Amino acid sequence: MKWYEIKFPEDTFGFASPEALITSAKDIYKQADFPVGFGVFQEIDHTYSRNFYFNPVAAELCADLFKSYRGRPRQEPLSSDKPIILVAGDQSLQDYFPA
């Protein structure tokens, strides 16, 4: 299974809100009865751009979001010079990406 990525604002319609994406992911997580291993992460960037990464468990359950937001498959983000934090999902993944 693959990871998926959605970049704001590149992959969204005009004036789309990253908060709406996070809320949708949290709702999907809840409706799926809190599956173990579900993780949606955000790369923290202090510019207008925002990157969201969906691990394979979240990607499978959030497939409809990728149609709305033009998400695309990608390799697992192994490292970044920017912090990557969990924004929705299984809290045991909180430290998945070391600071």
PDB file of N, CA and C in Angstrom:
ATOM      1  N   MET A   1       0.843  -1.180   0.000  1.00  0.00           N
ATOM      2  CA  MET A   1       0.000   0.000   0.000  1.00  0.00           C
ATOM      3  C   MET A   1       0.887   1.241   0.000  1.00  0.00           C
ATOM      4  N   LYS A   2       0.358   2.304  -0.548  1.00  0.00           N
ATOM      5  CA  LYS A   2       1.135   3.525  -0.734  1.00  0.00           C
ATOM      6  C   LYS A   2       0.717   4.628   0.230  1.00  0.00           C
ATOM      7  N   TRP A   3       1.638   5.526   0.424  1.00  0.00           N
ATOM      8  CA  TRP A   3       1.340   6.784   1.082  1.00  0.00           C
ATOM      9  C   TRP A   3       0.729   7.719   0.040  1.00  0.00           C
ATOM     10  N   TYR A   4      -0.024   8.714   0.509  1.00  0.00           N
ATOM     11  CA  TYR A   4      -0.573   9.745  -0.375  1.00  0.00           C
ATOM     12  C   TYR A   4      -0.216  11.104   0.198  1.00  0.00           C
ATOM     13  N   GLU A   5      -0.232  12.083  -0.694  1.00  0.00           N
ATOM     14  CA  GLU A   5       0.115  13.450  -0.310  1.00  0.00           C
ATOM     15  C   GLU A   5      -0.903  14.420  -0.908  1.00  0.00           C
ATOM     16  N   ILE A   6      -1.242  15.422  -0.138  1.00  0.00           N
ATOM     17  CA  ILE A   6      -2.036  16.551  -0.619  1.00  0.00           C
ATOM     18  C   ILE A   6      -1.271  17.803  -0.234  1.00  0.00           C
ATOM     19  N   LYS A   7      -1.033  18.653  -1.218  1.00  0.00           N
ATOM     20  CA  LYS A   7      -0.332  19.919  -0.978  1.00  0.00           C
ATOM     21  C   LYS A   7      -1.324  21.073  -1.085  1.00  0.00           C
ATOM     22  N   PHE A   8      -1.253  21.964  -0.115  1.00  0.00           N
ATOM     23  CA  PHE A   8      -2.045  23.196  -0.155  1.00  0.00           C
ATOM     24  C   PHE A   8      -1.108  24.322  -0.526  1.00  0.00           C
ATOM     25  N   PRO A   9      -1.470  25.197  -1.420  1.00  0.00           N
ATOM     26  CA  PRO A   9      -2.731  25.249  -2.161  1.00  0.00           C
ATOM     27  C   PRO A   9      -2.692  24.520  -3.504  1.00  0.00           C
ATOM     28  N   GLU A  10      -1.567  23.908  -3.883  1.00  0.00           N
ATOM     29  CA  GLU A  10      -1.411  23.357  -5.228  1.00  0.00           C
ATOM     30  C   GLU A  10      -2.473  22.332  -5.620  1.00  0.00           C
ATOM     31  N   ASP A  11      -2.870  21.455  -4.689  1.00  0.00           N
ATOM     32  CA  ASP A  11      -3.765  20.350  -5.008  1.00  0.00           C
ATOM     33  C   ASP A  11      -5.219  20.617  -4.647  1.00  0.00           C
ATOM     34  N   THR A  12      -5.559  21.855  -4.436  1.00  0.00           N
ATOM     35  CA  THR A  12      -6.899  22.160  -3.950  1.00  0.00           C
ATOM     36  C   THR A  12      -7.578  23.181  -4.843  1.00  0.00           C
ATOM     37  N   PHE A  13      -8.865  23.288  -4.659  1.00  0.00           N
ATOM     38  CA  PHE A  13      -9.622  24.310  -5.354  1.00  0.00           C
ATOM     39  C   PHE A  13      -9.422  25.635  -4.617  1.00  0.00           C
ATOM     40  N   GLY A  14      -9.697  26.713  -5.285  1.00  0.00           N
ATOM     41  CA  GLY A  14      -9.464  28.032  -4.702  1.00  0.00           C
ATOM     42  C   GLY A  14     -10.080  28.209  -3.331  1.00  0.00           C
ATOM     43  N   PHE A  15      -9.335  28.788  -2.438  1.00  0.00           N
ATOM     44  CA  PHE A  15      -9.760  29.103  -1.076  1.00  0.00           C
ATOM     45  C   PHE A  15     -10.100  27.874  -0.234  1.00  0.00           C
ATOM     46  N   ALA A  16      -9.591  26.720  -0.609  1.00  0.00           N
ATOM     47  CA  ALA A  16      -9.812  25.525   0.201  1.00  0.00           C
ATOM     48  C   ALA A  16      -9.119  25.688   1.545  1.00  0.00           C
ATOM     49  N   SER A  17      -9.702  25.110   2.555  1.00  0.00           N
ATOM     50  CA  SER A  17      -9.181  25.246   3.905  1.00  0.00           C
ATOM     51  C   SER A  17      -8.481  23.964   4.341  1.00  0.00           C
ATOM     52  N   PRO A  18      -7.229  24.046   4.773  1.00  0.00           N
ATOM     53  CA  PRO A  18      -6.581  22.850   5.319  1.00  0.00           C
ATOM     54  C   PRO A  18      -7.328  22.306   6.533  1.00  0.00           C
ATOM     55  N   GLU A  19      -7.955  23.191   7.289  1.00  0.00           N
ATOM     56  CA  GLU A  19      -8.696  22.758   8.470  1.00  0.00           C
ATOM     57  C   GLU A  19      -9.862  21.847   8.079  1.00  0.00           C
ATOM     58  N   ALA A  20     -10.493  22.117   6.934  1.00  0.00           N
ATOM     59  CA  ALA A  20     -11.589  21.261   6.462  1.00  0.00           C
ATOM     60  C   ALA A  20     -11.065  19.869   6.120  1.00  0.00           C
ATOM     61  N   LEU A  21      -9.882  19.790   5.546  1.00  0.00           N
ATOM     62  CA  LEU A  21      -9.276  18.498   5.237  1.00  0.00           C
ATOM     63  C   LEU A  21      -8.988  17.721   6.521  1.00  0.00           C
ATOM     64  N   ILE A  22      -8.423  18.386   7.503  1.00  0.00           N
ATOM     65  CA  ILE A  22      -8.121  17.734   8.780  1.00  0.00           C
ATOM     66  C   ILE A  22      -9.402  17.248   9.450  1.00  0.00           C
ATOM     67  N   THR A  23     -10.435  18.072   9.455  1.00  0.00           N
ATOM     68  CA  THR A  23     -11.719  17.688  10.035  1.00  0.00           C
ATOM     69  C   THR A  23     -12.299  16.473   9.320  1.00  0.00           C
ATOM     70  N   SER A  24     -12.226  16.456   7.991  1.00  0.00           N
ATOM     71  CA  SER A  24     -12.726  15.315   7.220  1.00  0.00           C
ATOM     72  C   SER A  24     -11.958  14.044   7.580  1.00  0.00           C
ATOM     73  N   ALA A  25     -10.639  14.141   7.692  1.00  0.00           N
ATOM     74  CA  ALA A  25      -9.828  12.977   8.045  1.00  0.00           C
ATOM     75  C   ALA A  25     -10.186  12.475   9.451  1.00  0.00           C
ATOM     76  N   LYS A  26     -10.383  13.393  10.391  1.00  0.00           N
ATOM     77  CA  LYS A  26     -10.770  13.005  11.753  1.00  0.00           C
ATOM     78  C   LYS A  26     -12.136  12.324  11.754  1.00  0.00           C
ATOM     79  N   ASP A  27     -13.069  12.839  10.954  1.00  0.00           N
ATOM     80  CA  ASP A  27     -14.405  12.231  10.854  1.00  0.00           C
ATOM     81  C   ASP A  27     -14.327  10.819  10.285  1.00  0.00           C
ATOM     82  N   ILE A  28     -13.510  10.635   9.259  1.00  0.00           N
ATOM     83  CA  ILE A  28     -13.334   9.308   8.655  1.00  0.00           C
ATOM     84  C   ILE A  28     -12.735   8.343   9.679  1.00  0.00           C
ATOM     85  N   TYR A  29     -11.750   8.807  10.416  1.00  0.00           N
ATOM     86  CA  TYR A  29     -11.118   7.993  11.461  1.00  0.00           C
ATOM     87  C   TYR A  29     -12.159   7.545  12.493  1.00  0.00           C
ATOM     88  N   LYS A  30     -12.995   8.463  12.921  1.00  0.00           N
ATOM     89  CA  LYS A  30     -14.033   8.158  13.909  1.00  0.00           C
ATOM     90  C   LYS A  30     -15.067   7.191  13.324  1.00  0.00           C
ATOM     91  N   GLN A  31     -15.541   7.461  12.096  1.00  0.00           N
ATOM     92  CA  GLN A  31     -16.563   6.619  11.464  1.00  0.00           C
ATOM     93  C   GLN A  31     -16.057   5.198  11.213  1.00  0.00           C
ATOM     94  N   ALA A  32     -14.757   5.040  11.030  1.00  0.00           N
ATOM     95  CA  ALA A  32     -14.158   3.718  10.808  1.00  0.00           C
ATOM     96  C   ALA A  32     -13.850   3.016  12.136  1.00  0.00           C
ATOM     97  N   ASP A  33     -14.303   3.588  13.242  1.00  0.00           N
ATOM     98  CA  ASP A  33     -14.129   3.031  14.575  1.00  0.00           C
ATOM     99  C   ASP A  33     -12.661   3.027  15.027  1.00  0.00           C
ATOM    100  N   PHE A  34     -11.976   4.127  14.739  1.00  0.00           N
ATOM    101  CA  PHE A  34     -10.635   4.386  15.253  1.00  0.00           C
ATOM    102  C   PHE A  34      -9.627   3.272  14.919  1.00  0.00           C
ATOM    103  N   PRO A  35      -9.420   2.999  13.631  1.00  0.00           N
ATOM    104  CA  PRO A  35      -8.510   1.907  13.262  1.00  0.00           C
ATOM    105  C   PRO A  35      -7.065   2.152  13.709  1.00  0.00           C
ATOM    106  N   VAL A  36      -6.446   1.104  14.211  1.00  0.00           N
ATOM    107  CA  VAL A  36      -5.045   1.155  14.619  1.00  0.00           C
ATOM    108  C   VAL A  36      -4.191   1.413  13.377  1.00  0.00           C
ATOM    109  N   GLY A  37      -3.236   2.308  13.516  1.00  0.00           N
ATOM    110  CA  GLY A  37      -2.306   2.589  12.429  1.00  0.00           C
ATOM    111  C   GLY A  37      -2.734   3.676  11.469  1.00  0.00           C
ATOM    112  N   PHE A  38      -3.903   4.274  11.666  1.00  0.00           N
ATOM    113  CA  PHE A  38      -4.399   5.357  10.809  1.00  0.00           C
ATOM    114  C   PHE A  38      -3.637   6.634  11.166  1.00  0.00           C
ATOM    115  N   GLY A  39      -2.968   7.228  10.168  1.00  0.00           N
ATOM    116  CA  GLY A  39      -2.221   8.445  10.446  1.00  0.00           C
ATOM    117  C   GLY A  39      -2.241   9.445   9.312  1.00  0.00           C
ATOM    118  N   VAL A  40      -2.624  10.658   9.632  1.00  0.00           N
ATOM    119  CA  VAL A  40      -2.537  11.791   8.706  1.00  0.00           C
ATOM    120  C   VAL A  40      -1.585  12.784   9.358  1.00  0.00           C
ATOM    121  N   PHE A  41      -0.570  13.159   8.610  1.00  0.00           N
ATOM    122  CA  PHE A  41       0.505  13.993   9.135  1.00  0.00           C
ATOM    123  C   PHE A  41       0.590  15.299   8.344  1.00  0.00           C
ATOM    124  N   GLN A  42       1.062  16.331   9.011  1.00  0.00           N
ATOM    125  CA  GLN A  42       1.274  17.620   8.351  1.00  0.00           C
ATOM    126  C   GLN A  42       2.726  18.030   8.529  1.00  0.00           C
ATOM    127  N   GLU A  43       3.332  18.421   7.419  1.00  0.00           N
ATOM    128  CA  GLU A  43       4.674  18.990   7.477  1.00  0.00           C
ATOM    129  C   GLU A  43       4.527  20.464   7.826  1.00  0.00           C
ATOM    130  N   ILE A  44       5.144  20.882   8.898  1.00  0.00           N
ATOM    131  CA  ILE A  44       5.019  22.256   9.368  1.00  0.00           C
ATOM    132  C   ILE A  44       5.968  23.155   8.586  1.00  0.00           C
ATOM    133  N   ASP A  45       5.376  24.097   7.897  1.00  0.00           N
ATOM    134  CA  ASP A  45       6.121  25.048   7.082  1.00  0.00           C
ATOM    135  C   ASP A  45       5.533  26.417   7.387  1.00  0.00           C
ATOM    136  N   HIS A  46       6.352  27.363   7.667  1.00  0.00           N
ATOM    137  CA  HIS A  46       5.855  28.684   8.049  1.00  0.00           C
ATOM    138  C   HIS A  46       5.662  29.590   6.836  1.00  0.00           C
ATOM    139  N   THR A  47       5.207  28.989   5.749  1.00  0.00           N
ATOM    140  CA  THR A  47       4.840  29.731   4.550  1.00  0.00           C
ATOM    141  C   THR A  47       3.389  29.415   4.238  1.00  0.00           C
ATOM    142  N   TYR A  48       2.950  29.840   3.083  1.00  0.00           N
ATOM    143  CA  TYR A  48       1.567  29.595   2.677  1.00  0.00           C
ATOM    144  C   TYR A  48       1.330  28.128   2.322  1.00  0.00           C
ATOM    145  N   SER A  49       2.367  27.403   1.933  1.00  0.00           N
ATOM    146  CA  SER A  49       2.223  26.006   1.532  1.00  0.00           C
ATOM    147  C   SER A  49       2.064  25.098   2.746  1.00  0.00           C
ATOM    148  N   ARG A  50       1.287  24.032   2.562  1.00  0.00           N
ATOM    149  CA  ARG A  50       1.132  23.013   3.598  1.00  0.00           C
ATOM    150  C   ARG A  50       1.081  21.650   2.907  1.00  0.00           C
ATOM    151  N   ASN A  51       1.836  20.701   3.439  1.00  0.00           N
ATOM    152  CA  ASN A  51       1.845  19.347   2.908  1.00  0.00           C
ATOM    153  C   ASN A  51       1.233  18.404   3.929  1.00  0.00           C
ATOM    154  N   PHE A  52       0.332  17.548   3.442  1.00  0.00           N
ATOM    155  CA  PHE A  52      -0.299  16.535   4.278  1.00  0.00           C
ATOM    156  C   PHE A  52       0.049  15.168   3.722  1.00  0.00           C
ATOM    157  N   TYR A  53       0.402  14.241   4.623  1.00  0.00           N
ATOM    158  CA  TYR A  53       0.780  12.891   4.242  1.00  0.00           C
ATOM    159  C   TYR A  53      -0.175  11.897   4.902  1.00  0.00           C
ATOM    160  N   PHE A  54      -0.679  10.981   4.104  1.00  0.00           N
ATOM    161  CA  PHE A  54      -1.599   9.941   4.564  1.00  0.00           C
ATOM    162  C   PHE A  54      -0.867   8.610   4.503  1.00  0.00           C
ATOM    163  N   ASN A  55      -0.715   7.943   5.654  1.00  0.00           N
ATOM    164  CA  ASN A  55      -0.053   6.648   5.630  1.00  0.00           C
ATOM    165  C   ASN A  55      -0.980   5.629   4.956  1.00  0.00           C
ATOM    166  N   PRO A  56      -0.503   4.414   4.686  1.00  0.00           N
ATOM    167  CA  PRO A  56      -1.324   3.463   3.934  1.00  0.00           C
ATOM    168  C   PRO A  56      -2.689   3.163   4.543  1.00  0.00           C
ATOM    169  N   VAL A  57      -2.793   3.080   5.861  1.00  0.00           N
ATOM    170  CA  VAL A  57      -4.091   2.815   6.490  1.00  0.00           C
ATOM    171  C   VAL A  57      -5.046   3.984   6.230  1.00  0.00           C
ATOM    172  N   ALA A  58      -4.561   5.204   6.456  1.00  0.00           N
ATOM    173  CA  ALA A  58      -5.396   6.392   6.219  1.00  0.00           C
ATOM    174  C   ALA A  58      -5.696   6.561   4.734  1.00  0.00           C
ATOM    175  N   ALA A  59      -4.724   6.261   3.885  1.00  0.00           N
ATOM    176  CA  ALA A  59      -4.922   6.426   2.438  1.00  0.00           C
ATOM    177  C   ALA A  59      -6.065   5.548   1.937  1.00  0.00           C
ATOM    178  N   GLU A  60      -6.132   4.331   2.439  1.00  0.00           N
ATOM    179  CA  GLU A  60      -7.203   3.428   2.013  1.00  0.00           C
ATOM    180  C   GLU A  60      -8.571   3.962   2.425  1.00  0.00           C
ATOM    181  N   LEU A  61      -8.683   4.451   3.644  1.00  0.00           N
ATOM    182  CA  LEU A  61      -9.964   4.925   4.157  1.00  0.00           C
ATOM    183  C   LEU A  61     -10.339   6.319   3.645  1.00  0.00           C
ATOM    184  N   CYS A  62      -9.365   7.100   3.240  1.00  0.00           N
ATOM    185  CA  CYS A  62      -9.607   8.481   2.804  1.00  0.00           C
ATOM    186  C   CYS A  62      -9.578   8.632   1.280  1.00  0.00           C
ATOM    187  N   ALA A  63      -9.735   7.555   0.557  1.00  0.00           N
ATOM    188  CA  ALA A  63      -9.610   7.591  -0.907  1.00  0.00           C
ATOM    189  C   ALA A  63     -10.494   8.655  -1.548  1.00  0.00           C
ATOM    190  N   ASP A  64     -11.691   8.869  -1.028  1.00  0.00           N
ATOM    191  CA  ASP A  64     -12.575   9.884  -1.624  1.00  0.00           C
ATOM    192  C   ASP A  64     -12.026  11.301  -1.465  1.00  0.00           C
ATOM    193  N   LEU A  65     -11.276  11.545  -0.410  1.00  0.00           N
ATOM    194  CA  LEU A  65     -10.670  12.869  -0.237  1.00  0.00           C
ATOM    195  C   LEU A  65      -9.675  13.173  -1.351  1.00  0.00           C
ATOM    196  N   PHE A  66      -8.987  12.144  -1.845  1.00  0.00           N
ATOM    197  CA  PHE A  66      -7.975  12.363  -2.872  1.00  0.00           C
ATOM    198  C   PHE A  66      -8.604  12.796  -4.193  1.00  0.00           C
ATOM    199  N   LYS A  67      -9.858  12.432  -4.397  1.00  0.00           N
ATOM    200  CA  LYS A  67     -10.567  12.901  -5.594  1.00  0.00           C
ATOM    201  C   LYS A  67     -10.910  14.379  -5.439  1.00  0.00           C
ATOM    202  N   SER A  68     -11.361  14.754  -4.263  1.00  0.00           N
ATOM    203  CA  SER A  68     -11.743  16.144  -4.014  1.00  0.00           C
ATOM    204  C   SER A  68     -10.542  17.079  -3.981  1.00  0.00           C
ATOM    205  N   TYR A  69      -9.441  16.591  -3.413  1.00  0.00           N
ATOM    206  CA  TYR A  69      -8.270  17.440  -3.217  1.00  0.00           C
ATOM    207  C   TYR A  69      -7.104  17.105  -4.140  1.00  0.00           C
ATOM    208  N   ARG A  70      -7.306  16.223  -5.085  1.00  0.00           N
ATOM    209  CA  ARG A  70      -6.271  15.834  -6.049  1.00  0.00           C
ATOM    210  C   ARG A  70      -5.021  15.278  -5.367  1.00  0.00           C
ATOM    211  N   GLY A  71      -5.241  14.402  -4.399  1.00  0.00           N
ATOM    212  CA  GLY A  71      -4.113  13.748  -3.750  1.00  0.00           C
ATOM    213  C   GLY A  71      -3.407  12.808  -4.711  1.00  0.00           C
ATOM    214  N   ARG A  72      -2.161  12.517  -4.414  1.00  0.00           N
ATOM    215  CA  ARG A  72      -1.390  11.644  -5.301  1.00  0.00           C
ATOM    216  C   ARG A  72      -0.508  10.707  -4.487  1.00  0.00           C
ATOM    217  N   PRO A  73      -0.234   9.521  -5.052  1.00  0.00           N
ATOM    218  CA  PRO A  73       0.636   8.581  -4.361  1.00  0.00           C
ATOM    219  C   PRO A  73       2.057   9.130  -4.252  1.00  0.00           C
ATOM    220  N   ARG A  74       2.745   8.691  -3.244  1.00  0.00           N
ATOM    221  CA  ARG A  74       4.136   9.111  -3.044  1.00  0.00           C
ATOM    222  C   ARG A  74       4.840   8.062  -2.187  1.00  0.00           C
ATOM    223  N   GLN A  75       6.127   8.159  -2.136  1.00  0.00           N
ATOM    224  CA  GLN A  75       6.910   7.324  -1.231  1.00  0.00           C
ATOM    225  C   GLN A  75       6.719   7.841   0.194  1.00  0.00           C
ATOM    226  N   GLU A  76       6.951   6.976   1.153  1.00  0.00           N
ATOM    227  CA  GLU A  76       6.887   7.417   2.545  1.00  0.00           C
ATOM    228  C   GLU A  76       7.901   8.536   2.757  1.00  0.00           C
ATOM    229  N   PRO A  77       7.479   9.645   3.366  1.00  0.00           N
ATOM    230  CA  PRO A  77       8.438  10.726   3.653  1.00  0.00           C
ATOM    231  C   PRO A  77       9.380  10.274   4.769  1.00  0.00           C
ATOM    232  N   LEU A  78      10.616  10.007   4.426  1.00  0.00           N
ATOM    233  CA  LEU A  78      11.549   9.444   5.401  1.00  0.00           C
ATOM    234  C   LEU A  78      12.157  10.482   6.316  1.00  0.00           C
ATOM    235  N   SER A  79      12.415  11.654   5.780  1.00  0.00           N
ATOM    236  CA  SER A  79      12.979  12.703   6.625  1.00  0.00           C
ATOM    237  C   SER A  79      12.657  14.048   5.996  1.00  0.00           C
ATOM    238  N   SER A  80      12.756  15.056   6.799  1.00  0.00           N
ATOM    239  CA  SER A  80      12.474  16.406   6.344  1.00  0.00           C
ATOM    240  C   SER A  80      13.231  17.363   7.241  1.00  0.00           C
ATOM    241  N   ASP A  81      13.572  18.511   6.695  1.00  0.00           N
ATOM    242  CA  ASP A  81      14.193  19.531   7.536  1.00  0.00           C
ATOM    243  C   ASP A  81      13.137  20.310   8.299  1.00  0.00           C
ATOM    244  N   LYS A  82      11.857  19.983   8.046  1.00  0.00           N
ATOM    245  CA  LYS A  82      10.735  20.624   8.738  1.00  0.00           C
ATOM    246  C   LYS A  82      10.038  19.578   9.605  1.00  0.00           C
ATOM    247  N   PRO A  83       9.472  19.979  10.725  1.00  0.00           N
ATOM    248  CA  PRO A  83       8.756  19.024  11.572  1.00  0.00           C
ATOM    249  C   PRO A  83       7.541  18.444  10.844  1.00  0.00           C
ATOM    250  N   ILE A  84       7.284  17.161  11.082  1.00  0.00           N
ATOM    251  CA  ILE A  84       6.090  16.495  10.567  1.00  0.00           C
ATOM    252  C   ILE A  84       5.329  15.976  11.773  1.00  0.00           C
ATOM    253  N   ILE A  85       4.078  16.420  11.917  1.00  0.00           N
ATOM    254  CA  ILE A  85       3.296  16.077  13.107  1.00  0.00           C
ATOM    255  C   ILE A  85       2.026  15.323  12.716  1.00  0.00           C
ATOM    256  N   LEU A  86       1.534  14.520  13.636  1.00  0.00           N
ATOM    257  CA  LEU A  86       0.261  13.826  13.469  1.00  0.00           C
ATOM    258  C   LEU A  86      -0.877  14.825  13.664  1.00  0.00           C
ATOM    259  N   VAL A  87      -1.801  14.910  12.699  1.00  0.00           N
ATOM    260  CA  VAL A  87      -2.939  15.826  12.843  1.00  0.00           C
ATOM    261  C   VAL A  87      -4.264  15.079  12.947  1.00  0.00           C
ATOM    262  N   ALA A  88      -4.276  13.784  12.581  1.00  0.00           N
ATOM    263  CA  ALA A  88      -5.489  12.981  12.707  1.00  0.00           C
ATOM    264  C   ALA A  88      -5.091  11.519  12.792  1.00  0.00           C
ATOM    265  N   GLY A  89      -5.727  10.799  13.706  1.00  0.00           N
ATOM    266  CA  GLY A  89      -5.514   9.367  13.742  1.00  0.00           C
ATOM    267  C   GLY A  89      -5.004   8.814  15.053  1.00  0.00           C
ATOM    268  N   ASP A  90      -4.405   7.657  14.930  1.00  0.00           N
ATOM    269  CA  ASP A  90      -3.921   6.837  16.038  1.00  0.00           C
ATOM    270  C   ASP A  90      -2.816   7.577  16.795  1.00  0.00           C
ATOM    271  N   GLN A  91      -3.085   7.927  18.034  1.00  0.00           N
ATOM    272  CA  GLN A  91      -2.132   8.708  18.834  1.00  0.00           C
ATOM    273  C   GLN A  91      -0.818   7.979  19.092  1.00  0.00           C
ATOM    274  N   SER A  92      -0.800   6.651  18.912  1.00  0.00           N
ATOM    275  CA  SER A  92       0.465   5.930  19.100  1.00  0.00           C
ATOM    276  C   SER A  92       1.472   6.285  17.990  1.00  0.00           C
ATOM    277  N   LEU A  93       1.010   6.949  16.933  1.00  0.00           N
ATOM    278  CA  LEU A  93       1.889   7.375  15.832  1.00  0.00           C
ATOM    279  C   LEU A  93       2.443   8.785  16.048  1.00  0.00           C
ATOM    280  N   GLN A  94       2.157   9.372  17.191  1.00  0.00           N
ATOM    281  CA  GLN A  94       2.547  10.756  17.482  1.00  0.00           C
ATOM    282  C   GLN A  94       4.027  11.008  17.218  1.00  0.00           C
ATOM    283  N   ASP A  95       4.860  10.048  17.508  1.00  0.00           N
ATOM    284  CA  ASP A  95       6.306  10.218  17.342  1.00  0.00           C
ATOM    285  C   ASP A  95       6.846   9.440  16.140  1.00  0.00           C
ATOM    286  N   TYR A  96       5.996   9.179  15.159  1.00  0.00           N
ATOM    287  CA  TYR A  96       6.411   8.419  13.972  1.00  0.00           C
ATOM    288  C   TYR A  96       7.570   9.089  13.247  1.00  0.00           C
ATOM    289  N   PHE A  97       7.492  10.412  13.139  1.00  0.00           N
ATOM    290  CA  PHE A  97       8.566  11.180  12.520  1.00  0.00           C
ATOM    291  C   PHE A  97       9.323  11.893  13.630  1.00  0.00           C
ATOM    292  N   PRO A  98      10.579  11.467  13.878  1.00  0.00           N
ATOM    293  CA  PRO A  98      11.343  12.109  14.942  1.00  0.00           C
ATOM    294  C   PRO A  98      11.582  13.582  14.650  1.00  0.00           C
ATOM    295  N   ALA A  99      11.597  14.371  15.688  1.00  0.00           N
ATOM    296  CA  ALA A  99      11.816  15.820  15.525  1.00  0.00           C
ATOM    297  C   ALA A  99      13.244  16.120  15.163  1.00  0.00           C
TER     298      ALA A  99
END
